[in-house]
Amino acid sequence: MMSESILFLMLLLIIGYIAKNSSLMIAILVLLLIKTGGAGDKVFPILQSKGINWGVTMITIAVLAPIASGDIGFKDLSGAFKSFYAWIALLSGIVVALLAKGGVKLLADDPHITTALVLGTILSVSLFKGVAVGPLIGAGIAYSAMKFFELFH
């Protein structure tokens, strides 16, 4: 008999297939391989505790790759500050990093929130072709909204 977690992952795999989202399907297939291969008890706790940091590191590497390759240099950096849109992007980066900081705190303090955030991310990825960086930023937005709500409650 299949476990609830395998059935859940299979359902998500079907949703990923219908939505034609290869990132979601690859992630689910990797998790299914770990689970059915018997390594889940050892690997899942590591992924749960370190995975977000590894993911952020991989995204950071991808963002910095154009600097390492020489496609972006100091000339581009100084030129970017002459654009109004670049200033908007700079401020957006600051806000997102601060939201993510609150998200990390929320996920550490209230892990049960993770379920709702993961569901929201899966729905966005599968239905709207979103990108699965949502849980951390989503947690940050939720944290900010909760703190705002606490001011009036």
Protein backbone atom coordinates (compact mmCIF):
# COMPACT_ATOMS: atom_id res chain seq x y z
CA MET A 1 0.00 0.00 0.00
CA MET A 2 1.29 3.45 -0.92
CA SER A 3 1.93 5.96 1.83
CA GLU A 4 0.01 9.22 1.99
CA SER A 5 3.18 11.17 1.16
CA ILE A 6 3.78 9.17 -2.04
CA LEU A 7 0.15 9.60 -3.13
CA PHE A 8 0.40 13.33 -2.41
CA LEU A 9 3.62 13.61 -4.43
CA MET A 10 2.06 11.62 -7.28
CA LEU A 11 -0.90 14.02 -7.34
CA LEU A 12 1.50 16.95 -7.45
CA LEU A 13 3.43 15.25 -10.24
CA ILE A 14 0.22 14.98 -12.27
CA ILE A 15 -0.51 18.66 -11.62
CA GLY A 16 3.04 19.52 -12.70
CA TYR A 17 2.61 17.45 -15.86
CA ILE A 18 -0.72 19.08 -16.72
CA ALA A 19 0.79 22.50 -16.09
CA LYS A 20 3.90 21.52 -18.10
CA ASN A 21 6.14 22.69 -15.25
CA SER A 22 9.41 20.80 -15.58
CA SER A 23 10.97 22.28 -12.42
CA LEU A 24 8.09 21.04 -10.29
CA MET A 25 8.16 17.62 -11.95
CA ILE A 26 11.92 17.23 -11.49
CA ALA A 27 11.70 18.25 -7.83
CA ILE A 28 8.90 15.75 -7.21
CA LEU A 29 10.69 12.95 -9.06
CA VAL A 30 13.84 13.55 -7.00
CA LEU A 31 11.79 13.42 -3.79
CA LEU A 32 10.02 10.26 -4.94
CA LEU A 33 13.36 8.61 -5.73
CA ILE A 34 14.70 9.52 -2.30
CA LYS A 35 11.50 8.31 -0.62
CA THR A 36 11.17 5.03 -2.51
CA GLY A 37 14.92 4.41 -2.39
CA GLY A 38 14.77 4.29 1.37
CA ALA A 39 17.01 7.29 2.00
CA GLY A 40 14.20 9.60 3.07
CA ASP A 41 14.76 9.25 6.82
CA LYS A 42 18.34 10.50 6.40
CA VAL A 43 17.98 12.92 3.47
CA PHE A 44 14.69 14.70 4.19
CA PRO A 45 15.75 16.21 7.53
CA ILE A 46 18.87 17.60 5.85
CA LEU A 47 16.86 18.99 2.95
CA GLN A 48 14.35 20.53 5.34
CA SER A 49 17.00 22.20 7.47
CA LYS A 50 19.53 23.19 4.81
CA GLY A 51 17.60 23.17 1.52
CA ILE A 52 16.45 26.79 1.57
CA ASN A 53 20.00 27.97 2.21
CA TRP A 54 21.30 25.76 -0.62
CA GLY A 55 18.57 27.08 -2.92
CA VAL A 56 19.34 30.69 -2.07
CA THR A 57 23.02 29.96 -2.68
CA MET A 58 22.24 28.45 -6.11
CA ILE A 59 20.06 31.43 -7.06
CA THR A 60 22.81 33.79 -5.91
CA ILE A 61 25.36 31.93 -8.03
CA ALA A 62 23.05 32.19 -11.05
CA VAL A 63 22.52 35.92 -10.48
CA LEU A 64 26.26 36.55 -10.07
CA ALA A 65 27.32 34.38 -13.04
CA PRO A 66 27.18 37.31 -15.52
CA ILE A 67 29.69 39.15 -13.33
CA ALA A 68 31.98 36.11 -13.22
CA SER A 69 31.70 35.62 -16.99
CA GLY A 70 32.51 39.26 -17.67
CA ASP A 71 29.12 40.06 -19.20
CA ILE A 72 28.50 42.60 -16.43
CA GLY A 73 31.27 44.89 -15.18
CA PHE A 74 31.80 48.10 -13.26
CA LYS A 75 30.74 50.16 -16.28
CA ASP A 76 27.33 48.44 -16.22
CA LEU A 77 27.03 48.97 -12.47
CA SER A 78 27.71 52.69 -12.65
CA GLY A 79 25.44 53.04 -15.69
CA ALA A 80 22.59 51.28 -13.93
CA PHE A 81 22.32 54.01 -11.29
CA LYS A 82 21.52 56.55 -14.00
CA SER A 83 18.23 54.79 -14.75
CA PHE A 84 15.03 55.42 -12.80
CA TYR A 85 14.07 51.75 -13.29
CA ALA A 86 17.40 50.65 -11.82
CA TRP A 87 16.60 52.60 -8.65
CA ILE A 88 13.22 50.88 -8.50
CA ALA A 89 14.98 47.53 -8.90
CA LEU A 90 17.49 48.44 -6.17
CA LEU A 91 14.70 49.35 -3.74
CA SER A 92 12.76 46.22 -4.69
CA GLY A 93 15.82 44.09 -3.94
CA ILE A 94 16.12 45.69 -0.53
CA VAL A 95 12.42 45.16 0.25
CA VAL A 96 12.48 41.53 -0.90
CA ALA A 97 15.58 40.76 1.18
CA LEU A 98 13.91 42.28 4.24
CA LEU A 99 10.71 40.32 3.56
CA ALA A 100 12.73 37.11 3.23
CA LYS A 101 14.40 37.85 6.56
CA GLY A 102 10.96 38.03 8.19
CA GLY A 103 9.99 34.85 6.32
CA VAL A 104 12.89 32.92 7.78
CA LYS A 105 11.86 34.07 11.26
CA LEU A 106 8.21 33.11 10.68
CA LEU A 107 9.09 29.64 9.37
CA ALA A 108 11.37 29.08 12.36
CA ASP A 109 8.79 30.33 14.87
CA ASP A 110 5.63 28.84 13.27
CA PRO A 111 6.53 25.83 11.11
CA HIS A 112 2.86 24.92 10.62
CA ILE A 113 2.60 27.98 8.35
CA THR A 114 4.88 26.12 5.93
CA THR A 115 2.00 23.89 4.78
CA ALA A 116 -0.10 26.83 3.59
CA LEU A 117 2.91 28.51 2.00
CA VAL A 118 3.95 25.35 0.17
CA LEU A 119 0.39 24.84 -1.08
CA GLY A 120 0.27 28.43 -2.30
CA THR A 121 3.61 28.00 -4.06
CA ILE A 122 2.54 24.73 -5.70
CA LEU A 123 -0.69 26.33 -6.92
CA SER A 124 1.21 29.29 -8.32
CA VAL A 125 3.87 27.14 -9.97
CA SER A 126 1.41 24.68 -11.47
CA LEU A 127 -1.48 26.98 -12.41
CA PHE A 128 0.18 30.31 -13.16
CA LYS A 129 3.68 29.24 -14.24
CA GLY A 130 5.14 30.89 -11.14
CA VAL A 131 8.64 30.23 -9.85
CA ALA A 132 9.12 28.22 -6.65
CA VAL A 133 10.90 30.85 -4.61
CA GLY A 134 7.53 31.69 -3.10
CA PRO A 135 7.65 30.07 0.32
CA LEU A 136 10.37 32.31 1.71
CA ILE A 137 9.04 35.54 0.23
CA GLY A 138 5.48 34.41 0.97
CA ALA A 139 6.47 33.80 4.57
CA GLY A 140 8.01 37.27 4.68
CA ILE A 141 4.85 38.87 3.33
CA ALA A 142 2.75 36.82 5.78
CA TYR A 143 5.07 37.82 8.64
CA SER A 144 4.76 41.49 7.70
CA ALA A 145 0.97 41.22 7.38
CA MET A 146 0.74 39.46 10.76
CA LYS A 147 2.87 42.15 12.44
CA PHE A 148 0.71 44.83 10.82
CA PHE A 149 -2.46 43.05 11.98
CA GLU A 150 -1.07 42.82 15.53
CA LEU A 151 -0.87 46.63 15.62
CA PHE A 152 -4.67 46.85 15.36
CA HIS A 153 -5.70 43.74 17.24
